[in-house]
Amino acid sequence: MSKAKSPRKVGEKEALSVGTQIRGSAQKLGLVAALIRNKKAGDAMNILAFSTKAMAVDARKVLASAIANAENNHNLDVDALVVAEASVGKSIVMKRFATRGRGKSTRILKPFSRLRIVVREQEEA
């Protein structure tokens, strides 16, 4: 008597990868995610590799994981993969304090973000 198998979170010809705690704001990561939406997976990897944005490094790792999941877990063709979805959300926020003059202190917020990338195998038209 085992538990019922959970349904897939994505479609039949899709693979998913999620970066849960990427250090940086969701706004900055959203700019990087917009660069790769609806692009071919190989082109998206090149865009992220040569991007000057610091968040592109972590986004590239998540995209590489999604491509590896598609190839190894779902037997999809790597050359036909397209970034179907690249969505960004907020995660935790670390709160730190910095000492200031006259015995005061101020709060420093260190945000984390989530990145969800879905790649889809697309038939050649």
PDB file of N, CA and C in Angstrom:
ATOM      1  N   MET A   1       0.841  -1.183   0.000  1.00  0.00           N
ATOM      2  CA  MET A   1       0.000   0.000   0.000  1.00  0.00           C
ATOM      3  C   MET A   1       0.888   1.249   0.000  1.00  0.00           C
ATOM      4  N   SER A   2       1.311   1.621  -1.162  1.00  0.00           N
ATOM      5  CA  SER A   2       2.124   2.826  -1.268  1.00  0.00           C
ATOM      6  C   SER A   2       1.247   4.012  -1.636  1.00  0.00           C
ATOM      7  N   LYS A   3       1.829   5.172  -1.482  1.00  0.00           N
ATOM      8  CA  LYS A   3       1.114   6.400  -1.803  1.00  0.00           C
ATOM      9  C   LYS A   3       0.978   6.523  -3.312  1.00  0.00           C
ATOM     10  N   ALA A   4      -0.116   7.122  -3.753  1.00  0.00           N
ATOM     11  CA  ALA A   4      -0.341   7.304  -5.189  1.00  0.00           C
ATOM     12  C   ALA A   4       0.723   8.233  -5.761  1.00  0.00           C
ATOM     13  N   LYS A   5       1.124   7.938  -6.990  1.00  0.00           N
ATOM     14  CA  LYS A   5       2.149   8.738  -7.650  1.00  0.00           C
ATOM     15  C   LYS A   5       1.603  10.137  -7.912  1.00  0.00           C
ATOM     16  N   SER A   6       2.424  11.155  -7.577  1.00  0.00           N
ATOM     17  CA  SER A   6       1.973  12.533  -7.773  1.00  0.00           C
ATOM     18  C   SER A   6       1.999  12.864  -9.267  1.00  0.00           C
ATOM     19  N   PRO A   7       1.054  13.666  -9.734  1.00  0.00           N
ATOM     20  CA  PRO A   7       1.022  14.015 -11.160  1.00  0.00           C
ATOM     21  C   PRO A   7       2.182  14.932 -11.525  1.00  0.00           C
ATOM     22  N   ARG A   8       2.537  14.936 -12.806  1.00  0.00           N
ATOM     23  CA  ARG A   8       3.607  15.806 -13.280  1.00  0.00           C
ATOM     24  C   ARG A   8       3.201  17.266 -13.172  1.00  0.00           C
ATOM     25  N   LYS A   9       4.150  18.107 -12.825  1.00  0.00           N
ATOM     26  CA  LYS A   9       3.873  19.535 -12.696  1.00  0.00           C
ATOM     27  C   LYS A   9       3.884  20.255 -14.045  1.00  0.00           C
ATOM     28  N   VAL A  10       4.426  19.587 -15.062  1.00  0.00           N
ATOM     29  CA  VAL A  10       4.491  20.168 -16.402  1.00  0.00           C
ATOM     30  C   VAL A  10       3.955  19.160 -17.409  1.00  0.00           C
ATOM     31  N   GLY A  11       3.889  19.557 -18.675  1.00  0.00           N
ATOM     32  CA  GLY A  11       3.320  18.717 -19.722  1.00  0.00           C
ATOM     33  C   GLY A  11       4.180  17.510 -20.064  1.00  0.00           C
ATOM     34  N   GLU A  12       3.706  16.739 -21.029  1.00  0.00           N
ATOM     35  CA  GLU A  12       4.350  15.476 -21.395  1.00  0.00           C
ATOM     36  C   GLU A  12       5.709  15.696 -22.066  1.00  0.00           C
ATOM     37  N   LYS A  13       5.833  16.717 -22.893  1.00  0.00           N
ATOM     38  CA  LYS A  13       7.086  16.977 -23.612  1.00  0.00           C
ATOM     39  C   LYS A  13       7.843  18.149 -22.993  1.00  0.00           C
ATOM     40  N   GLU A  14       7.716  18.303 -21.671  1.00  0.00           N
ATOM     41  CA  GLU A  14       8.356  19.420 -20.973  1.00  0.00           C
ATOM     42  C   GLU A  14       9.203  18.903 -19.817  1.00  0.00           C
ATOM     43  N   ALA A  15      10.184  19.707 -19.432  1.00  0.00           N
ATOM     44  CA  ALA A  15      11.023  19.417 -18.268  1.00  0.00           C
ATOM     45  C   ALA A  15      11.154  20.701 -17.455  1.00  0.00           C
ATOM     46  N   LEU A  16      11.337  20.539 -16.150  1.00  0.00           N
ATOM     47  CA  LEU A  16      11.289  21.656 -15.207  1.00  0.00           C
ATOM     48  C   LEU A  16      12.545  21.683 -14.357  1.00  0.00           C
ATOM     49  N   SER A  17      12.963  22.886 -13.993  1.00  0.00           N
ATOM     50  CA  SER A  17      14.022  23.061 -13.012  1.00  0.00           C
ATOM     51  C   SER A  17      13.726  24.341 -12.232  1.00  0.00           C
ATOM     52  N   VAL A  18      13.956  24.284 -10.919  1.00  0.00           N
ATOM     53  CA  VAL A  18      13.660  25.427 -10.056  1.00  0.00           C
ATOM     54  C   VAL A  18      14.891  25.759  -9.222  1.00  0.00           C
ATOM     55  N   GLY A  19      15.294  27.023  -9.253  1.00  0.00           N
ATOM     56  CA  GLY A  19      16.330  27.529  -8.355  1.00  0.00           C
ATOM     57  C   GLY A  19      15.626  28.219  -7.212  1.00  0.00           C
ATOM     58  N   THR A  20      15.693  27.655  -6.009  1.00  0.00           N
ATOM     59  CA  THR A  20      14.851  28.145  -4.917  1.00  0.00           C
ATOM     60  C   THR A  20      15.453  29.313  -4.143  1.00  0.00           C
ATOM     61  N   GLN A  21      16.766  29.347  -4.013  1.00  0.00           N
ATOM     62  CA  GLN A  21      17.358  30.436  -3.233  1.00  0.00           C
ATOM     63  C   GLN A  21      18.522  31.051  -3.988  1.00  0.00           C
ATOM     64  N   ILE A  22      18.168  31.945  -4.907  1.00  0.00           N
ATOM     65  CA  ILE A  22      19.168  32.666  -5.689  1.00  0.00           C
ATOM     66  C   ILE A  22      19.369  34.024  -5.033  1.00  0.00           C
ATOM     67  N   ARG A  23      20.605  34.321  -4.663  1.00  0.00           N
ATOM     68  CA  ARG A  23      20.908  35.529  -3.900  1.00  0.00           C
ATOM     69  C   ARG A  23      20.833  36.744  -4.808  1.00  0.00           C
ATOM     70  N   GLY A  24      19.823  37.576  -4.585  1.00  0.00           N
ATOM     71  CA  GLY A  24      19.619  38.782  -5.369  1.00  0.00           C
ATOM     72  C   GLY A  24      18.141  39.079  -5.465  1.00  0.00           C
ATOM     73  N   SER A  25      17.803  40.269  -5.865  1.00  0.00           N
ATOM     74  CA  SER A  25      16.399  40.665  -5.891  1.00  0.00           C
ATOM     75  C   SER A  25      15.673  40.050  -7.082  1.00  0.00           C
ATOM     76  N   ALA A  26      14.376  39.897  -6.923  1.00  0.00           N
ATOM     77  CA  ALA A  26      13.547  39.327  -7.983  1.00  0.00           C
ATOM     78  C   ALA A  26      13.488  40.258  -9.189  1.00  0.00           C
ATOM     79  N   GLN A  27      13.610  41.544  -8.959  1.00  0.00           N
ATOM     80  CA  GLN A  27      13.572  42.505 -10.059  1.00  0.00           C
ATOM     81  C   GLN A  27      14.782  42.324 -10.986  1.00  0.00           C
ATOM     82  N   LYS A  28      15.969  42.152 -10.408  1.00  0.00           N
ATOM     83  CA  LYS A  28      17.175  41.959 -11.217  1.00  0.00           C
ATOM     84  C   LYS A  28      17.141  40.616 -11.935  1.00  0.00           C
ATOM     85  N   LEU A  29      16.642  39.582 -11.259  1.00  0.00           N
ATOM     86  CA  LEU A  29      16.557  38.263 -11.887  1.00  0.00           C
ATOM     87  C   LEU A  29      15.503  38.255 -12.985  1.00  0.00           C
ATOM     88  N   GLY A  30      14.451  39.051 -12.825  1.00  0.00           N
ATOM     89  CA  GLY A  30      13.410  39.140 -13.850  1.00  0.00           C
ATOM     90  C   GLY A  30      13.930  39.718 -15.153  1.00  0.00           C
ATOM     91  N   LEU A  31      14.869  40.645 -15.076  1.00  0.00           N
ATOM     92  CA  LEU A  31      15.472  41.211 -16.282  1.00  0.00           C
ATOM     93  C   LEU A  31      16.255  40.154 -17.051  1.00  0.00           C
ATOM     94  N   VAL A  32      16.932  39.268 -16.322  1.00  0.00           N
ATOM     95  CA  VAL A  32      17.700  38.202 -16.963  1.00  0.00           C
ATOM     96  C   VAL A  32      16.757  37.152 -17.546  1.00  0.00           C
ATOM     97  N   ALA A  33      15.685  36.827 -16.813  1.00  0.00           N
ATOM     98  CA  ALA A  33      14.732  35.821 -17.293  1.00  0.00           C
ATOM     99  C   ALA A  33      14.046  36.291 -18.575  1.00  0.00           C
ATOM    100  N   ALA A  34      13.828  37.583 -18.705  1.00  0.00           N
ATOM    101  CA  ALA A  34      13.186  38.122 -19.909  1.00  0.00           C
ATOM    102  C   ALA A  34      14.076  37.953 -21.144  1.00  0.00           C
ATOM    103  N   LEU A  35      15.388  37.868 -20.936  1.00  0.00           N
ATOM    104  CA  LEU A  35      16.306  37.703 -22.065  1.00  0.00           C
ATOM    105  C   LEU A  35      16.167  36.337 -22.739  1.00  0.00           C
ATOM    106  N   ILE A  36      15.761  35.310 -21.967  1.00  0.00           N
ATOM    107  CA  ILE A  36      15.783  33.950 -22.511  1.00  0.00           C
ATOM    108  C   ILE A  36      14.405  33.374 -22.797  1.00  0.00           C
ATOM    109  N   ARG A  37      13.332  34.067 -22.465  1.00  0.00           N
ATOM    110  CA  ARG A  37      11.994  33.538 -22.718  1.00  0.00           C
ATOM    111  C   ARG A  37      11.771  33.317 -24.210  1.00  0.00           C
ATOM    112  N   ASN A  38      11.193  32.162 -24.563  1.00  0.00           N
ATOM    113  CA  ASN A  38      10.832  31.786 -25.935  1.00  0.00           C
ATOM    114  C   ASN A  38      12.031  31.675 -26.876  1.00  0.00           C
ATOM    115  N   LYS A  39      13.214  31.480 -26.332  1.00  0.00           N
ATOM    116  CA  LYS A  39      14.407  31.271 -27.147  1.00  0.00           C
ATOM    117  C   LYS A  39      14.733  29.771 -27.170  1.00  0.00           C
ATOM    118  N   LYS A  40      15.492  29.338 -28.175  1.00  0.00           N
ATOM    119  CA  LYS A  40      15.974  27.957 -28.196  1.00  0.00           C
ATOM    120  C   LYS A  40      16.950  27.772 -27.033  1.00  0.00           C
ATOM    121  N   ALA A  41      17.017  26.571 -26.503  1.00  0.00           N
ATOM    122  CA  ALA A  41      17.811  26.318 -25.297  1.00  0.00           C
ATOM    123  C   ALA A  41      19.294  26.625 -25.523  1.00  0.00           C
ATOM    124  N   GLY A  42      19.840  26.249 -26.678  1.00  0.00           N
ATOM    125  CA  GLY A  42      21.245  26.529 -26.963  1.00  0.00           C
ATOM    126  C   GLY A  42      21.529  28.017 -27.070  1.00  0.00           C
ATOM    127  N   ASP A  43      20.606  28.729 -27.716  1.00  0.00           N
ATOM    128  CA  ASP A  43      20.769  30.182 -27.828  1.00  0.00           C
ATOM    129  C   ASP A  43      20.666  30.847 -26.461  1.00  0.00           C
ATOM    130  N   ALA A  44      19.746  30.360 -25.630  1.00  0.00           N
ATOM    131  CA  ALA A  44      19.568  30.930 -24.292  1.00  0.00           C
ATOM    132  C   ALA A  44      20.822  30.718 -23.447  1.00  0.00           C
ATOM    133  N   MET A  45      21.465  29.548 -23.570  1.00  0.00           N
ATOM    134  CA  MET A  45      22.706  29.305 -22.825  1.00  0.00           C
ATOM    135  C   MET A  45      23.795  30.284 -23.257  1.00  0.00           C
ATOM    136  N   ASN A  46      23.881  30.559 -24.564  1.00  0.00           N
ATOM    137  CA  ASN A  46      24.879  31.516 -25.056  1.00  0.00           C
ATOM    138  C   ASN A  46      24.585  32.933 -24.586  1.00  0.00           C
ATOM    139  N   ILE A  47      23.305  33.314 -24.586  1.00  0.00           N
ATOM    140  CA  ILE A  47      22.925  34.656 -24.120  1.00  0.00           C
ATOM    141  C   ILE A  47      23.339  34.831 -22.668  1.00  0.00           C
ATOM    142  N   LEU A  48      23.076  33.815 -21.847  1.00  0.00           N
ATOM    143  CA  LEU A  48      23.412  33.915 -20.422  1.00  0.00           C
ATOM    144  C   LEU A  48      24.922  33.837 -20.196  1.00  0.00           C
ATOM    145  N   ALA A  49      25.624  33.086 -21.023  1.00  0.00           N
ATOM    146  CA  ALA A  49      27.076  32.958 -20.851  1.00  0.00           C
ATOM    147  C   ALA A  49      27.791  34.280 -21.113  1.00  0.00           C
ATOM    148  N   PHE A  50      27.276  35.064 -22.068  1.00  0.00           N
ATOM    149  CA  PHE A  50      27.947  36.302 -22.438  1.00  0.00           C
ATOM    150  C   PHE A  50      27.241  37.547 -21.922  1.00  0.00           C
ATOM    151  N   SER A  51      26.270  37.373 -21.042  1.00  0.00           N
ATOM    152  CA  SER A  51      25.575  38.520 -20.463  1.00  0.00           C
ATOM    153  C   SER A  51      26.456  39.185 -19.406  1.00  0.00           C
ATOM    154  N   THR A  52      26.333  40.494 -19.288  1.00  0.00           N
ATOM    155  CA  THR A  52      27.113  41.214 -18.279  1.00  0.00           C
ATOM    156  C   THR A  52      26.409  41.257 -16.931  1.00  0.00           C
ATOM    157  N   LYS A  53      25.173  40.793 -16.870  1.00  0.00           N
ATOM    158  CA  LYS A  53      24.411  40.790 -15.621  1.00  0.00           C
ATOM    159  C   LYS A  53      24.949  39.704 -14.689  1.00  0.00           C
ATOM    160  N   ALA A  54      25.099  40.030 -13.412  1.00  0.00           N
ATOM    161  CA  ALA A  54      25.618  39.062 -12.448  1.00  0.00           C
ATOM    162  C   ALA A  54      24.627  37.923 -12.188  1.00  0.00           C
ATOM    163  N   MET A  55      23.338  38.190 -12.302  1.00  0.00           N
ATOM    164  CA  MET A  55      22.320  37.171 -12.055  1.00  0.00           C
ATOM    165  C   MET A  55      22.290  36.122 -13.164  1.00  0.00           C
ATOM    166  N   ALA A  56      22.932  36.394 -14.292  1.00  0.00           N
ATOM    167  CA  ALA A  56      22.936  35.452 -15.409  1.00  0.00           C
ATOM    168  C   ALA A  56      23.689  34.174 -15.058  1.00  0.00           C
ATOM    169  N   VAL A  57      24.630  34.244 -14.122  1.00  0.00           N
ATOM    170  CA  VAL A  57      25.396  33.060 -13.725  1.00  0.00           C
ATOM    171  C   VAL A  57      24.474  32.025 -13.088  1.00  0.00           C
ATOM    172  N   ASP A  58      23.645  32.459 -12.142  1.00  0.00           N
ATOM    173  CA  ASP A  58      22.726  31.544 -11.474  1.00  0.00           C
ATOM    174  C   ASP A  58      21.616  31.095 -12.409  1.00  0.00           C
ATOM    175  N   ALA A  59      21.145  31.976 -13.272  1.00  0.00           N
ATOM    176  CA  ALA A  59      20.101  31.606 -14.229  1.00  0.00           C
ATOM    177  C   ALA A  59      20.619  30.551 -15.205  1.00  0.00           C
ATOM    178  N   ARG A  60      21.886  30.647 -15.561  1.00  0.00           N
ATOM    179  CA  ARG A  60      22.481  29.667 -16.476  1.00  0.00           C
ATOM    180  C   ARG A  60      22.550  28.288 -15.822  1.00  0.00           C
ATOM    181  N   LYS A  61      22.833  28.243 -14.523  1.00  0.00           N
ATOM    182  CA  LYS A  61      22.873  26.963 -13.816  1.00  0.00           C
ATOM    183  C   LYS A  61      21.503  26.301 -13.795  1.00  0.00           C
ATOM    184  N   VAL A  62      20.457  27.097 -13.569  1.00  0.00           N
ATOM    185  CA  VAL A  62      19.102  26.549 -13.525  1.00  0.00           C
ATOM    186  C   VAL A  62      18.692  26.070 -14.915  1.00  0.00           C
ATOM    187  N   LEU A  63      19.037  26.829 -15.953  1.00  0.00           N
ATOM    188  CA  LEU A  63      18.719  26.417 -17.321  1.00  0.00           C
ATOM    189  C   LEU A  63      19.464  25.134 -17.697  1.00  0.00           C
ATOM    190  N   ALA A  64      20.726  25.027 -17.301  1.00  0.00           N
ATOM    191  CA  ALA A  64      21.490  23.808 -17.576  1.00  0.00           C
ATOM    192  C   ALA A  64      20.868  22.606 -16.874  1.00  0.00           C
ATOM    193  N   SER A  65      20.354  22.813 -15.675  1.00  0.00           N
ATOM    194  CA  SER A  65      19.681  21.742 -14.941  1.00  0.00           C
ATOM    195  C   SER A  65      18.395  21.317 -15.640  1.00  0.00           C
ATOM    196  N   ALA A  66      17.638  22.278 -16.167  1.00  0.00           N
ATOM    197  CA  ALA A  66      16.399  21.957 -16.884  1.00  0.00           C
ATOM    198  C   ALA A  66      16.703  21.162 -18.154  1.00  0.00           C
ATOM    199  N   ILE A  67      17.771  21.532 -18.852  1.00  0.00           N
ATOM    200  CA  ILE A  67      18.156  20.806 -20.071  1.00  0.00           C
ATOM    201  C   ILE A  67      18.599  19.385 -19.727  1.00  0.00           C
ATOM    202  N   ALA A  68      19.363  19.236 -18.637  1.00  0.00           N
ATOM    203  CA  ALA A  68      19.806  17.911 -18.204  1.00  0.00           C
ATOM    204  C   ALA A  68      18.618  17.048 -17.771  1.00  0.00           C
ATOM    205  N   ASN A  69      17.638  17.657 -17.087  1.00  0.00           N
ATOM    206  CA  ASN A  69      16.433  16.917 -16.701  1.00  0.00           C
ATOM    207  C   ASN A  69      15.679  16.440 -17.937  1.00  0.00           C
ATOM    208  N   ALA A  70      15.590  17.289 -18.942  1.00  0.00           N
ATOM    209  CA  ALA A  70      14.882  16.919 -20.171  1.00  0.00           C
ATOM    210  C   ALA A  70      15.560  15.741 -20.861  1.00  0.00           C
ATOM    211  N   GLU A  71      16.886  15.775 -20.883  1.00  0.00           N
ATOM    212  CA  GLU A  71      17.635  14.732 -21.583  1.00  0.00           C
ATOM    213  C   GLU A  71      17.636  13.418 -20.806  1.00  0.00           C
ATOM    214  N   ASN A  72      17.930  13.480 -19.510  1.00  0.00           N
ATOM    215  CA  ASN A  72      18.137  12.258 -18.729  1.00  0.00           C
ATOM    216  C   ASN A  72      16.862  11.670 -18.145  1.00  0.00           C
ATOM    217  N   ASN A  73      15.929  12.513 -17.703  1.00  0.00           N
ATOM    218  CA  ASN A  73      14.733  12.004 -17.026  1.00  0.00           C
ATOM    219  C   ASN A  73      13.554  11.797 -17.963  1.00  0.00           C
ATOM    220  N   HIS A  74      13.458  12.613 -19.020  1.00  0.00           N
ATOM    221  CA  HIS A  74      12.269  12.575 -19.872  1.00  0.00           C
ATOM    222  C   HIS A  74      12.571  12.177 -21.312  1.00  0.00           C
ATOM    223  N   ASN A  75      13.843  11.870 -21.624  1.00  0.00           N
ATOM    224  CA  ASN A  75      14.259  11.415 -22.955  1.00  0.00           C
ATOM    225  C   ASN A  75      13.819  12.349 -24.073  1.00  0.00           C
ATOM    226  N   LEU A  76      14.012  13.654 -23.869  1.00  0.00           N
ATOM    227  CA  LEU A  76      13.666  14.637 -24.887  1.00  0.00           C
ATOM    228  C   LEU A  76      14.907  14.977 -25.713  1.00  0.00           C
ATOM    229  N   ASP A  77      14.679  15.450 -26.932  1.00  0.00           N
ATOM    230  CA  ASP A  77      15.768  15.825 -27.827  1.00  0.00           C
ATOM    231  C   ASP A  77      16.305  17.203 -27.425  1.00  0.00           C
ATOM    232  N   VAL A  78      17.575  17.258 -27.086  1.00  0.00           N
ATOM    233  CA  VAL A  78      18.172  18.508 -26.582  1.00  0.00           C
ATOM    234  C   VAL A  78      18.186  19.588 -27.652  1.00  0.00           C
ATOM    235  N   ASP A  79      18.382  19.214 -28.910  1.00  0.00           N
ATOM    236  CA  ASP A  79      18.477  20.208 -29.981  1.00  0.00           C
ATOM    237  C   ASP A  79      17.135  20.863 -30.288  1.00  0.00           C
ATOM    238  N   ALA A  80      16.029  20.234 -29.887  1.00  0.00           N
ATOM    239  CA  ALA A  80      14.698  20.773 -30.187  1.00  0.00           C
ATOM    240  C   ALA A  80      14.072  21.482 -28.993  1.00  0.00           C
ATOM    241  N   LEU A  81      14.849  21.734 -27.930  1.00  0.00           N
ATOM    242  CA  LEU A  81      14.287  22.345 -26.718  1.00  0.00           C
ATOM    243  C   LEU A  81      14.162  23.859 -26.865  1.00  0.00           C
ATOM    244  N   VAL A  82      13.059  24.388 -26.318  1.00  0.00           N
ATOM    245  CA  VAL A  82      12.790  25.823 -26.293  1.00  0.00           C
ATOM    246  C   VAL A  82      12.437  26.201 -24.864  1.00  0.00           C
ATOM    247  N   VAL A  83      12.883  27.366 -24.405  1.00  0.00           N
ATOM    248  CA  VAL A  83      12.528  27.840 -23.067  1.00  0.00           C
ATOM    249  C   VAL A  83      11.071  28.300 -23.118  1.00  0.00           C
ATOM    250  N   ALA A  84      10.183  27.471 -22.602  1.00  0.00           N
ATOM    251  CA  ALA A  84       8.750  27.765 -22.663  1.00  0.00           C
ATOM    252  C   ALA A  84       8.340  28.751 -21.579  1.00  0.00           C
ATOM    253  N   GLU A  85       8.998  28.674 -20.430  1.00  0.00           N
ATOM    254  CA  GLU A  85       8.604  29.521 -19.310  1.00  0.00           C
ATOM    255  C   GLU A  85       9.835  29.843 -18.484  1.00  0.00           C
ATOM    256  N   ALA A  86       9.965  31.086 -18.066  1.00  0.00           N
ATOM    257  CA  ALA A  86      11.015  31.522 -17.144  1.00  0.00           C
ATOM    258  C   ALA A  86      10.374  32.522 -16.201  1.00  0.00           C
ATOM    259  N   SER A  87       9.916  32.029 -15.050  1.00  0.00           N
ATOM    260  CA  SER A  87       9.195  32.895 -14.122  1.00  0.00           C
ATOM    261  C   SER A  87      10.009  33.105 -12.851  1.00  0.00           C
ATOM    262  N   VAL A  88       9.856  34.281 -12.272  1.00  0.00           N
ATOM    263  CA  VAL A  88      10.637  34.705 -11.118  1.00  0.00           C
ATOM    264  C   VAL A  88       9.700  35.066  -9.976  1.00  0.00           C
ATOM    265  N   GLY A  89      10.098  34.719  -8.764  1.00  0.00           N
ATOM    266  CA  GLY A  89       9.325  35.078  -7.579  1.00  0.00           C
ATOM    267  C   GLY A  89      10.242  35.391  -6.418  1.00  0.00           C
ATOM    268  N   LYS A  90       9.653  35.925  -5.358  1.00  0.00           N
ATOM    269  CA  LYS A  90      10.428  36.257  -4.167  1.00  0.00           C
ATOM    270  C   LYS A  90      10.616  35.022  -3.302  1.00  0.00           C
ATOM    271  N   SER A  91      11.717  34.986  -2.575  1.00  0.00           N
ATOM    272  CA  SER A  91      11.969  33.951  -1.587  1.00  0.00           C
ATOM    273  C   SER A  91      12.177  34.660  -0.249  1.00  0.00           C
ATOM    274  N   ILE A  92      13.055  34.133   0.573  1.00  0.00           N
ATOM    275  CA  ILE A  92      13.265  34.720   1.894  1.00  0.00           C
ATOM    276  C   ILE A  92      14.030  36.036   1.794  1.00  0.00           C
ATOM    277  N   VAL A  93      14.026  36.789   2.872  1.00  0.00           N
ATOM    278  CA  VAL A  93      14.816  38.011   2.966  1.00  0.00           C
ATOM    279  C   VAL A  93      15.602  37.946   4.270  1.00  0.00           C
ATOM    280  N   MET A  94      16.934  37.950   4.159  1.00  0.00           N
ATOM    281  CA  MET A  94      17.764  37.996   5.366  1.00  0.00           C
ATOM    282  C   MET A  94      17.808  39.439   5.859  1.00  0.00           C
ATOM    283  N   LYS A  95      17.659  39.599   7.153  1.00  0.00           N
ATOM    284  CA  LYS A  95      17.684  40.930   7.745  1.00  0.00           C
ATOM    285  C   LYS A  95      18.955  41.076   8.572  1.00  0.00           C
ATOM    286  N   ARG A  96      19.708  42.099   8.275  1.00  0.00           N
ATOM    287  CA  ARG A  96      20.950  42.381   8.989  1.00  0.00           C
ATOM    288  C   ARG A  96      20.902  43.820   9.491  1.00  0.00           C
ATOM    289  N   PHE A  97      21.785  44.147  10.407  1.00  0.00           N
ATOM    290  CA  PHE A  97      21.819  45.500  10.954  1.00  0.00           C
ATOM    291  C   PHE A  97      23.205  46.085  10.789  1.00  0.00           C
ATOM    292  N   ALA A  98      23.246  47.369  10.455  1.00  0.00           N
ATOM    293  CA  ALA A  98      24.499  48.096  10.332  1.00  0.00           C
ATOM    294  C   ALA A  98      24.506  49.200  11.376  1.00  0.00           C
ATOM    295  N   THR A  99      25.602  49.318  12.082  1.00  0.00           N
ATOM    296  CA  THR A  99      25.696  50.365  13.100  1.00  0.00           C
ATOM    297  C   THR A  99      25.934  51.704  12.424  1.00  0.00           C
ATOM    298  N   ARG A 100      25.301  52.728  12.965  1.00  0.00           N
ATOM    299  CA  ARG A 100      25.436  54.096  12.455  1.00  0.00           C
ATOM    300  C   ARG A 100      25.916  54.997  13.584  1.00  0.00           C
ATOM    301  N   GLY A 101      26.028  56.263  13.293  1.00  0.00           N
ATOM    302  CA  GLY A 101      26.519  57.208  14.277  1.00  0.00           C
ATOM    303  C   GLY A 101      25.524  57.457  15.412  1.00  0.00           C
ATOM    304  N   ARG A 102      26.025  57.929  16.531  1.00  0.00           N
ATOM    305  CA  ARG A 102      25.243  58.288  17.713  1.00  0.00           C
ATOM    306  C   ARG A 102      24.455  57.108  18.284  1.00  0.00           C
ATOM    307  N   GLY A 103      25.012  55.910  18.181  1.00  0.00           N
ATOM    308  CA  GLY A 103      24.394  54.744  18.800  1.00  0.00           C
ATOM    309  C   GLY A 103      23.172  54.208  18.080  1.00  0.00           C
ATOM    310  N   LYS A 104      22.966  54.601  16.845  1.00  0.00           N
ATOM    311  CA  LYS A 104      21.813  54.129  16.090  1.00  0.00           C
ATOM    312  C   LYS A 104      22.213  52.973  15.186  1.00  0.00           C
ATOM    313  N   SER A 105      21.205  52.321  14.633  1.00  0.00           N
ATOM    314  CA  SER A 105      21.474  51.266  13.661  1.00  0.00           C
ATOM    315  C   SER A 105      20.398  51.299  12.585  1.00  0.00           C
ATOM    316  N   THR A 106      20.732  50.751  11.420  1.00  0.00           N
ATOM    317  CA  THR A 106      19.769  50.681  10.327  1.00  0.00           C
ATOM    318  C   THR A 106      19.668  49.243   9.843  1.00  0.00           C
ATOM    319  N   ARG A 107      18.545  48.925   9.239  1.00  0.00           N
ATOM    320  CA  ARG A 107      18.296  47.576   8.749  1.00  0.00           C
ATOM    321  C   ARG A 107      18.811  47.433   7.319  1.00  0.00           C
ATOM    322  N   ILE A 108      19.477  46.315   7.063  1.00  0.00           N
ATOM    323  CA  ILE A 108      19.912  45.969   5.718  1.00  0.00           C
ATOM    324  C   ILE A 108      19.132  44.733   5.307  1.00  0.00           C
ATOM    325  N   LEU A 109      18.480  44.779   4.142  1.00  0.00           N
ATOM    326  CA  LEU A 109      17.710  43.649   3.641  1.00  0.00           C
ATOM    327  C   LEU A 109      18.500  42.958   2.541  1.00  0.00           C
ATOM    328  N   LYS A 110      18.656  41.646   2.668  1.00  0.00           N
ATOM    329  CA  LYS A 110      19.376  40.856   1.670  1.00  0.00           C
ATOM    330  C   LYS A 110      18.391  39.865   1.058  1.00  0.00           C
ATOM    331  N   PRO A 111      17.781  40.208  -0.078  1.00  0.00           N
ATOM    332  CA  PRO A 111      16.717  39.364  -0.641  1.00  0.00           C
ATOM    333  C   PRO A 111      17.244  38.154  -1.395  1.00  0.00           C
ATOM    334  N   PHE A 112      16.414  37.120  -1.440  1.00  0.00           N
ATOM    335  CA  PHE A 112      16.644  35.930  -2.245  1.00  0.00           C
ATOM    336  C   PHE A 112      15.486  35.790  -3.215  1.00  0.00           C
ATOM    337  N   SER A 113      15.709  35.105  -4.322  1.00  0.00           N
ATOM    338  CA  SER A 113      14.683  34.951  -5.358  1.00  0.00           C
ATOM    339  C   SER A 113      14.556  33.494  -5.762  1.00  0.00           C
ATOM    340  N   ARG A 114      13.430  33.189  -6.440  1.00  0.00           N
ATOM    341  CA  ARG A 114      13.185  31.866  -7.010  1.00  0.00           C
ATOM    342  C   ARG A 114      13.113  32.004  -8.527  1.00  0.00           C
ATOM    343  N   LEU A 115      13.670  31.044  -9.235  1.00  0.00           N
ATOM    344  CA  LEU A 115      13.603  31.025 -10.692  1.00  0.00           C
ATOM    345  C   LEU A 115      13.090  29.661 -11.128  1.00  0.00           C
ATOM    346  N   ARG A 116      12.016  29.665 -11.921  1.00  0.00           N
ATOM    347  CA  ARG A 116      11.404  28.430 -12.413  1.00  0.00           C
ATOM    348  C   ARG A 116      11.516  28.433 -13.930  1.00  0.00           C
ATOM    349  N   ILE A 117      12.243  27.457 -14.475  1.00  0.00           N
ATOM    350  CA  ILE A 117      12.436  27.371 -15.923  1.00  0.00           C
ATOM    351  C   ILE A 117      11.831  26.069 -16.431  1.00  0.00           C
ATOM    352  N   VAL A 118      10.985  26.189 -17.460  1.00  0.00           N
ATOM    353  CA  VAL A 118      10.383  25.040 -18.109  1.00  0.00           C
ATOM    354  C   VAL A 118      10.867  25.027 -19.552  1.00  0.00           C
ATOM    355  N   VAL A 119      11.436  23.899 -19.983  1.00  0.00           N
ATOM    356  CA  VAL A 119      11.837  23.738 -21.378  1.00  0.00           C
ATOM    357  C   VAL A 119      10.891  22.746 -22.048  1.00  0.00           C
ATOM    358  N   ARG A 120      10.562  23.024 -23.295  1.00  0.00           N
ATOM    359  CA  ARG A 120       9.603  22.199 -24.053  1.00  0.00           C
ATOM    360  C   ARG A 120      10.258  21.719 -25.339  1.00  0.00           C
ATOM    361  N   GLU A 121       9.991  20.477 -25.686  1.00  0.00           N
ATOM    362  CA  GLU A 121      10.483  19.952 -26.959  1.00  0.00           C
ATOM    363  C   GLU A 121       9.529  20.413 -28.049  1.00  0.00           C
ATOM    364  N   GLN A 122      10.069  21.098 -29.047  1.00  0.00           N
ATOM    365  CA  GLN A 122       9.241  21.652 -30.101  1.00  0.00           C
ATOM    366  C   GLN A 122       9.530  20.937 -31.413  1.00  0.00           C
ATOM    367  N   GLU A 123       8.473  20.522 -32.102  1.00  0.00           N
ATOM    368  CA  GLU A 123       8.641  19.829 -33.383  1.00  0.00           C
ATOM    369  C   GLU A 123       9.109  20.832 -34.433  1.00  0.00           C
ATOM    370  N   GLU A 124       9.940  20.371 -35.341  1.00  0.00           N
ATOM    371  CA  GLU A 124      10.419  21.234 -36.414  1.00  0.00           C
ATOM    372  C   GLU A 124       9.283  21.483 -37.393  1.00  0.00           C
ATOM    373  N   ALA A 125       9.022  22.760 -37.686  1.00  0.00           N
ATOM    374  CA  ALA A 125       7.894  23.096 -38.572  1.00  0.00           C
ATOM    375  C   ALA A 125       8.346  23.227 -40.007  1.00  0.00           C
TER     376      ALA A 125
END
